[in-house]
């Protein structure tokens, strides 16, 4: 399968960090596969390419919200694969496990206090690009 999102995710490094993308900004396929080996689920293509592009770039992986490292991914009791949490741990983002075979699935947000999931009504790629735009422009 061709890389659908890899270059767009790599482009986040020069866009927001004013530096060229380097190999160490992403995980290698072997590193990612090793990190995911213990899981009983397969991650969507878009999340795989996200980790390959910027999974090693702490400045983006921890920009206001915290993307979980691949080995930390987990499925909750309600069937959501969780991948992101805000810095106050009020919200967690994830995918419905029924949607993991979709290349770029819809993102859902859980209110951690109430334990309720709500659709963000956008795909992972849309969500990530919007989130970084908000996170980096909010600091100005």
N, C-alpha and C. Protein backbone atom coordinates (compact mmCIF):
# COMPACT_ATOMS: atom_id res chain seq x y z
N UNK A 1 0.84 -1.18 0.00
CA UNK A 1 0.00 0.00 0.00
C UNK A 1 0.89 1.25 0.00
N UNK A 2 0.50 2.23 -0.74
CA UNK A 2 1.29 3.46 -0.80
C UNK A 2 1.12 4.26 0.49
N UNK A 3 2.08 5.11 0.73
CA UNK A 3 2.03 5.99 1.90
C UNK A 3 1.03 7.10 1.64
N UNK A 4 -0.07 7.08 2.37
CA UNK A 4 -1.12 8.08 2.16
C UNK A 4 -0.86 9.38 2.90
N UNK A 5 -0.25 9.28 4.07
CA UNK A 5 -0.14 10.44 4.95
C UNK A 5 1.29 10.74 5.40
N UNK A 6 2.22 9.84 5.11
CA UNK A 6 3.57 9.92 5.64
C UNK A 6 4.23 11.28 5.39
N UNK A 7 4.23 11.73 4.15
CA UNK A 7 4.88 13.01 3.83
C UNK A 7 4.18 14.20 4.49
N UNK A 8 2.87 14.13 4.58
CA UNK A 8 2.13 15.23 5.24
C UNK A 8 2.48 15.31 6.72
N UNK A 9 2.63 14.15 7.36
CA UNK A 9 3.03 14.15 8.77
C UNK A 9 4.48 14.60 8.93
N UNK A 10 5.36 14.16 8.03
CA UNK A 10 6.76 14.62 8.08
C UNK A 10 6.85 16.13 7.92
N UNK A 11 5.96 16.70 7.12
CA UNK A 11 5.96 18.15 6.88
C UNK A 11 5.61 18.96 8.13
N UNK A 12 5.09 18.31 9.15
CA UNK A 12 4.78 19.02 10.40
C UNK A 12 6.05 19.51 11.09
N UNK A 13 7.16 18.80 10.91
CA UNK A 13 8.42 19.19 11.56
C UNK A 13 8.88 20.56 11.06
N UNK A 14 9.08 20.76 9.76
CA UNK A 14 9.50 22.10 9.34
C UNK A 14 8.41 23.16 9.56
N UNK A 15 7.16 22.78 9.45
CA UNK A 15 6.08 23.76 9.61
C UNK A 15 6.03 24.34 11.02
N UNK A 16 6.17 23.49 12.03
CA UNK A 16 6.01 23.97 13.41
C UNK A 16 7.30 24.06 14.20
N UNK A 17 8.34 23.35 13.79
CA UNK A 17 9.59 23.36 14.55
C UNK A 17 10.71 24.08 13.82
N UNK A 18 10.42 24.56 12.61
CA UNK A 18 11.38 25.31 11.81
C UNK A 18 12.71 24.57 11.67
N UNK A 19 12.61 23.29 11.40
CA UNK A 19 13.78 22.44 11.21
C UNK A 19 13.43 21.41 10.15
N UNK A 20 14.41 20.88 9.48
CA UNK A 20 14.17 19.84 8.49
C UNK A 20 13.81 18.53 9.18
N UNK A 21 12.95 17.75 8.54
CA UNK A 21 12.63 16.43 9.07
C UNK A 21 13.87 15.56 9.01
N UNK A 22 14.13 14.82 10.08
CA UNK A 22 15.27 13.90 10.17
C UNK A 22 14.74 12.50 10.43
N UNK A 23 15.51 11.48 10.06
CA UNK A 23 15.11 10.08 10.28
C UNK A 23 14.71 9.83 11.73
N UNK A 24 15.44 10.42 12.67
CA UNK A 24 15.16 10.17 14.08
C UNK A 24 13.85 10.81 14.57
N UNK A 25 13.25 11.67 13.75
CA UNK A 25 11.95 12.23 14.12
C UNK A 25 10.84 11.18 14.06
N UNK A 26 11.06 10.14 13.27
CA UNK A 26 10.08 9.07 13.15
C UNK A 26 10.63 7.77 13.70
N UNK A 27 9.75 6.79 13.84
CA UNK A 27 10.17 5.45 14.21
C UNK A 27 10.45 4.66 12.94
N UNK A 28 11.35 3.71 13.01
CA UNK A 28 11.57 2.83 11.86
C UNK A 28 10.43 1.80 11.85
N UNK A 29 10.16 1.21 10.70
CA UNK A 29 9.12 0.15 10.67
C UNK A 29 9.40 -0.96 11.67
N UNK A 30 10.66 -1.35 11.83
CA UNK A 30 11.00 -2.41 12.80
C UNK A 30 10.73 -1.97 14.24
N UNK A 31 11.10 -0.72 14.57
CA UNK A 31 10.83 -0.21 15.92
C UNK A 31 9.33 -0.20 16.20
N UNK A 32 8.56 0.25 15.23
CA UNK A 32 7.11 0.32 15.40
C UNK A 32 6.52 -1.08 15.53
N UNK A 33 6.93 -1.98 14.66
CA UNK A 33 6.42 -3.35 14.72
C UNK A 33 6.76 -4.02 16.05
N UNK A 34 7.97 -3.79 16.55
CA UNK A 34 8.37 -4.35 17.85
C UNK A 34 7.51 -3.78 18.97
N UNK A 35 7.24 -2.48 18.92
CA UNK A 35 6.44 -1.82 19.96
C UNK A 35 5.00 -2.32 19.94
N UNK A 36 4.51 -2.68 18.76
CA UNK A 36 3.12 -3.11 18.63
C UNK A 36 2.94 -4.62 18.78
N UNK A 37 4.02 -5.36 18.85
CA UNK A 37 3.98 -6.82 18.81
C UNK A 37 3.13 -7.43 19.93
N UNK A 38 3.10 -6.81 21.08
CA UNK A 38 2.36 -7.35 22.23
C UNK A 38 0.85 -7.15 22.12
N UNK A 39 0.43 -6.25 21.25
CA UNK A 39 -1.00 -5.93 21.15
C UNK A 39 -1.76 -6.97 20.35
N UNK A 40 -3.03 -7.10 20.68
CA UNK A 40 -3.90 -8.04 19.96
C UNK A 40 -4.71 -7.32 18.88
N UNK A 41 -4.38 -6.09 18.61
CA UNK A 41 -5.09 -5.30 17.59
C UNK A 41 -4.08 -4.76 16.58
N UNK A 42 -4.60 -4.35 15.42
CA UNK A 42 -3.79 -3.71 14.40
C UNK A 42 -4.21 -2.26 14.34
N UNK A 43 -3.24 -1.36 14.30
CA UNK A 43 -3.57 0.07 14.28
C UNK A 43 -3.92 0.49 12.86
N UNK A 44 -4.74 1.54 12.72
CA UNK A 44 -5.08 2.05 11.38
C UNK A 44 -3.84 2.56 10.64
N UNK A 45 -3.90 2.52 9.32
CA UNK A 45 -2.80 2.99 8.48
C UNK A 45 -2.35 4.39 8.86
N UNK A 46 -3.28 5.28 9.09
CA UNK A 46 -2.95 6.67 9.38
C UNK A 46 -2.14 6.79 10.68
N UNK A 47 -2.47 6.00 11.69
CA UNK A 47 -1.72 6.04 12.95
C UNK A 47 -0.34 5.42 12.76
N UNK A 48 -0.24 4.38 11.96
CA UNK A 48 1.06 3.77 11.64
C UNK A 48 1.97 4.80 10.97
N UNK A 49 1.45 5.51 9.97
CA UNK A 49 2.26 6.50 9.26
C UNK A 49 2.59 7.69 10.15
N UNK A 50 1.71 8.03 11.07
CA UNK A 50 1.98 9.09 12.04
C UNK A 50 3.21 8.73 12.87
N UNK A 51 3.22 7.51 13.41
CA UNK A 51 4.38 7.07 14.20
C UNK A 51 5.65 6.98 13.35
N UNK A 52 5.53 6.50 12.13
CA UNK A 52 6.70 6.41 11.25
C UNK A 52 7.26 7.80 10.92
N UNK A 53 6.39 8.78 10.83
CA UNK A 53 6.81 10.14 10.47
C UNK A 53 7.33 10.92 11.66
N UNK A 54 6.59 10.92 12.78
CA UNK A 54 6.98 11.79 13.90
C UNK A 54 6.93 11.11 15.27
N UNK A 55 6.89 9.80 15.29
CA UNK A 55 6.82 9.07 16.55
C UNK A 55 8.03 9.24 17.46
N UNK A 56 9.13 9.74 16.93
CA UNK A 56 10.32 9.99 17.73
C UNK A 56 10.55 11.46 18.02
N UNK A 57 9.61 12.29 17.63
CA UNK A 57 9.76 13.76 17.79
C UNK A 57 8.97 14.22 19.01
N UNK A 58 9.66 14.31 20.12
CA UNK A 58 9.01 14.66 21.38
C UNK A 58 8.30 16.01 21.32
N UNK A 59 8.88 16.97 20.59
CA UNK A 59 8.26 18.30 20.52
C UNK A 59 6.87 18.27 19.88
N UNK A 60 6.61 17.30 19.01
CA UNK A 60 5.28 17.16 18.43
C UNK A 60 4.44 16.13 19.18
N UNK A 61 5.05 15.06 19.61
CA UNK A 61 4.30 14.01 20.32
C UNK A 61 3.76 14.50 21.66
N UNK A 62 4.37 15.56 22.20
CA UNK A 62 3.95 16.08 23.49
C UNK A 62 3.64 17.58 23.41
N UNK A 63 3.06 18.00 22.30
CA UNK A 63 2.72 19.40 22.09
C UNK A 63 1.33 19.68 22.68
N UNK A 64 1.28 20.07 23.92
CA UNK A 64 0.07 20.40 24.66
C UNK A 64 -0.74 19.16 25.02
N UNK A 65 -0.97 18.27 24.07
CA UNK A 65 -1.59 16.97 24.32
C UNK A 65 -0.49 15.92 24.17
N UNK A 66 -0.72 14.75 24.74
CA UNK A 66 0.31 13.72 24.75
C UNK A 66 -0.14 12.49 23.96
N UNK A 67 0.51 12.26 22.82
CA UNK A 67 0.28 11.04 22.05
C UNK A 67 0.97 9.89 22.77
N UNK A 68 0.28 8.79 22.92
CA UNK A 68 0.84 7.64 23.61
C UNK A 68 1.85 6.95 22.70
N UNK A 69 2.92 6.47 23.29
CA UNK A 69 3.88 5.67 22.54
C UNK A 69 3.18 4.39 22.09
N UNK A 70 3.61 3.81 20.98
CA UNK A 70 2.90 2.63 20.43
C UNK A 70 2.73 1.49 21.43
N UNK A 71 3.74 1.25 22.25
CA UNK A 71 3.62 0.15 23.22
C UNK A 71 2.63 0.46 24.34
N UNK A 72 2.25 1.74 24.50
CA UNK A 72 1.31 2.15 25.54
C UNK A 72 -0.15 2.14 25.07
N UNK A 73 -0.37 1.96 23.79
CA UNK A 73 -1.74 1.94 23.27
C UNK A 73 -2.54 0.85 23.97
N UNK A 74 -3.81 1.15 24.22
CA UNK A 74 -4.66 0.14 24.84
C UNK A 74 -6.11 0.35 24.45
N UNK A 75 -6.87 -0.73 24.56
CA UNK A 75 -8.30 -0.70 24.28
C UNK A 75 -9.03 -0.67 25.62
N UNK A 76 -9.96 0.27 25.77
CA UNK A 76 -10.72 0.35 27.02
C UNK A 76 -11.87 -0.66 27.02
N UNK A 77 -12.61 -0.71 28.11
CA UNK A 77 -13.70 -1.67 28.27
C UNK A 77 -14.86 -1.43 27.30
N UNK A 78 -14.93 -0.22 26.76
CA UNK A 78 -16.02 0.12 25.84
C UNK A 78 -15.64 -0.12 24.38
N UNK A 79 -14.42 -0.60 24.14
CA UNK A 79 -14.00 -0.93 22.79
C UNK A 79 -13.41 0.22 22.00
N UNK A 80 -12.69 1.10 22.67
CA UNK A 80 -12.01 2.21 22.00
C UNK A 80 -10.50 2.06 22.17
N UNK A 81 -9.77 2.15 21.06
CA UNK A 81 -8.31 2.15 21.09
C UNK A 81 -7.86 3.58 21.40
N UNK A 82 -7.28 3.76 22.57
CA UNK A 82 -6.91 5.10 23.04
C UNK A 82 -5.48 5.42 22.62
N UNK A 83 -5.27 6.68 22.16
CA UNK A 83 -3.94 7.07 21.65
C UNK A 83 -3.48 8.45 22.09
N UNK A 84 -4.31 9.24 22.75
CA UNK A 84 -3.96 10.63 23.06
C UNK A 84 -4.68 11.07 24.32
N UNK A 85 -3.99 11.90 25.12
CA UNK A 85 -4.60 12.46 26.32
C UNK A 85 -4.15 13.91 26.46
N UNK A 86 -5.03 14.75 27.00
CA UNK A 86 -4.64 16.15 27.22
C UNK A 86 -3.78 16.24 28.47
N UNK A 87 -3.12 17.39 28.65
CA UNK A 87 -2.17 17.51 29.74
C UNK A 87 -2.81 17.49 31.12
N UNK A 88 -4.09 17.83 31.22
CA UNK A 88 -4.79 17.78 32.51
C UNK A 88 -5.47 16.43 32.74
N UNK A 89 -5.35 15.52 31.77
CA UNK A 89 -5.96 14.19 31.83
C UNK A 89 -7.47 14.26 31.99
N UNK A 90 -8.09 15.29 31.41
CA UNK A 90 -9.54 15.42 31.42
C UNK A 90 -10.18 14.67 30.26
N UNK A 91 -9.45 14.56 29.15
CA UNK A 91 -9.98 13.93 27.94
C UNK A 91 -8.98 12.93 27.38
N UNK A 92 -9.52 11.89 26.77
CA UNK A 92 -8.74 10.88 26.06
C UNK A 92 -9.35 10.73 24.68
N UNK A 93 -8.52 10.56 23.67
CA UNK A 93 -9.00 10.37 22.30
C UNK A 93 -8.69 8.96 21.84
N UNK A 94 -9.56 8.45 20.97
CA UNK A 94 -9.36 7.10 20.48
C UNK A 94 -10.19 6.81 19.25
N UNK A 95 -10.09 5.56 18.80
CA UNK A 95 -10.87 5.05 17.67
C UNK A 95 -11.76 3.91 18.19
N UNK A 96 -12.92 3.74 17.59
CA UNK A 96 -13.71 2.54 17.87
C UNK A 96 -12.95 1.36 17.27
N UNK A 97 -12.83 0.29 18.00
CA UNK A 97 -12.08 -0.86 17.50
C UNK A 97 -12.73 -1.43 16.23
N UNK A 98 -14.01 -1.25 16.08
CA UNK A 98 -14.69 -1.71 14.86
C UNK A 98 -14.20 -0.95 13.63
N UNK A 99 -13.55 0.21 13.84
CA UNK A 99 -13.09 1.06 12.73
C UNK A 99 -11.60 0.94 12.45
N UNK A 100 -10.89 0.05 13.12
CA UNK A 100 -9.43 0.00 12.99
C UNK A 100 -8.96 -0.41 11.60
N UNK A 101 -9.81 -1.06 10.82
CA UNK A 101 -9.41 -1.44 9.46
C UNK A 101 -9.58 -0.30 8.46
N UNK A 102 -10.22 0.77 8.87
CA UNK A 102 -10.40 1.95 8.01
C UNK A 102 -9.07 2.71 7.99
N UNK A 103 -8.56 3.07 6.82
CA UNK A 103 -7.24 3.74 6.77
C UNK A 103 -7.15 5.01 7.61
N UNK A 104 -8.20 5.82 7.66
CA UNK A 104 -8.20 7.09 8.39
C UNK A 104 -9.54 7.23 9.13
N UNK A 105 -9.67 6.53 10.26
CA UNK A 105 -10.97 6.49 10.94
C UNK A 105 -11.32 7.78 11.69
N UNK A 106 -12.59 7.86 12.04
CA UNK A 106 -13.11 8.97 12.85
C UNK A 106 -12.52 8.89 14.25
N UNK A 107 -12.20 10.04 14.81
CA UNK A 107 -11.66 10.14 16.16
C UNK A 107 -12.83 10.38 17.13
N UNK A 108 -12.74 9.75 18.28
CA UNK A 108 -13.71 9.93 19.36
C UNK A 108 -12.98 10.49 20.57
N UNK A 109 -13.71 11.27 21.39
CA UNK A 109 -13.14 11.86 22.61
C UNK A 109 -13.94 11.39 23.82
N UNK A 110 -13.22 10.98 24.85
CA UNK A 110 -13.86 10.58 26.10
C UNK A 110 -13.66 11.65 27.15
N UNK A 111 -14.74 12.04 27.79
CA UNK A 111 -14.67 12.88 28.97
C UNK A 111 -14.31 11.92 30.11
N UNK A 112 -13.10 12.03 30.64
CA UNK A 112 -12.63 11.07 31.63
C UNK A 112 -13.43 11.09 32.92
N UNK A 113 -13.98 12.24 33.30
CA UNK A 113 -14.77 12.32 34.53
C UNK A 113 -16.09 11.56 34.39
N UNK A 114 -16.70 11.66 33.21
CA UNK A 114 -17.98 11.00 32.98
C UNK A 114 -17.84 9.64 32.31
N UNK A 115 -16.70 9.39 31.67
CA UNK A 115 -16.50 8.13 30.98
C UNK A 115 -17.32 8.00 29.71
N UNK A 116 -17.76 9.11 29.15
CA UNK A 116 -18.60 9.09 27.94
C UNK A 116 -17.77 9.45 26.72
N UNK A 117 -17.97 8.67 25.65
CA UNK A 117 -17.30 8.90 24.37
C UNK A 117 -18.21 9.70 23.44
N UNK A 118 -17.61 10.64 22.69
CA UNK A 118 -18.35 11.47 21.74
C UNK A 118 -17.50 11.60 20.47
N UNK A 119 -18.14 11.49 19.32
CA UNK A 119 -17.42 11.61 18.06
C UNK A 119 -16.91 13.04 17.87
N UNK A 120 -15.68 13.14 17.38
CA UNK A 120 -15.11 14.44 17.02
C UNK A 120 -15.54 14.83 15.61
N UNK A 121 -16.21 13.92 14.92
CA UNK A 121 -16.74 14.15 13.58
C UNK A 121 -15.67 14.53 12.57
N UNK A 122 -14.49 13.98 12.76
CA UNK A 122 -13.39 14.18 11.83
C UNK A 122 -12.46 13.00 11.88
N UNK A 123 -11.74 12.77 10.81
CA UNK A 123 -10.80 11.66 10.76
C UNK A 123 -9.53 12.00 11.55
N UNK A 124 -8.70 11.00 11.77
CA UNK A 124 -7.45 11.21 12.50
C UNK A 124 -6.59 12.27 11.81
N UNK A 125 -6.44 12.16 10.49
CA UNK A 125 -5.58 13.14 9.80
C UNK A 125 -6.14 14.55 9.96
N UNK A 126 -7.43 14.73 9.80
CA UNK A 126 -8.03 16.05 9.97
C UNK A 126 -7.83 16.54 11.40
N UNK A 127 -8.07 15.66 12.35
CA UNK A 127 -7.94 16.00 13.76
C UNK A 127 -6.52 16.44 14.10
N UNK A 128 -5.53 15.65 13.65
CA UNK A 128 -4.13 15.94 13.97
C UNK A 128 -3.69 17.28 13.37
N UNK A 129 -4.01 17.50 12.10
CA UNK A 129 -3.58 18.77 11.49
C UNK A 129 -4.26 19.96 12.16
N UNK A 130 -5.53 19.83 12.50
CA UNK A 130 -6.24 20.90 13.21
C UNK A 130 -5.67 21.10 14.61
N UNK A 131 -5.36 20.00 15.31
CA UNK A 131 -4.84 20.10 16.67
C UNK A 131 -3.49 20.81 16.70
N UNK A 132 -2.59 20.45 15.78
CA UNK A 132 -1.29 21.12 15.77
C UNK A 132 -1.42 22.59 15.38
N UNK A 133 -2.30 22.89 14.45
CA UNK A 133 -2.54 24.29 14.08
C UNK A 133 -2.99 25.08 15.30
N UNK A 134 -3.92 24.51 16.05
CA UNK A 134 -4.41 25.16 17.27
C UNK A 134 -3.32 25.26 18.32
N UNK A 135 -2.60 24.17 18.58
CA UNK A 135 -1.60 24.14 19.64
C UNK A 135 -0.46 25.13 19.40
N UNK A 136 0.00 25.19 18.15
CA UNK A 136 1.16 26.05 17.87
C UNK A 136 0.77 27.51 17.64
N UNK A 137 -0.41 27.75 17.14
CA UNK A 137 -0.84 29.14 16.93
C UNK A 137 -1.39 29.74 18.21
N UNK A 138 -1.85 28.91 19.15
CA UNK A 138 -2.37 29.37 20.42
C UNK A 138 -1.26 29.96 21.29
N UNK A 139 -0.01 29.51 21.05
CA UNK A 139 1.10 29.95 21.88
C UNK A 139 1.59 31.35 21.50
N UNK A 140 1.18 31.84 20.32
CA UNK A 140 1.67 33.15 19.87
C UNK A 140 1.02 34.29 20.63
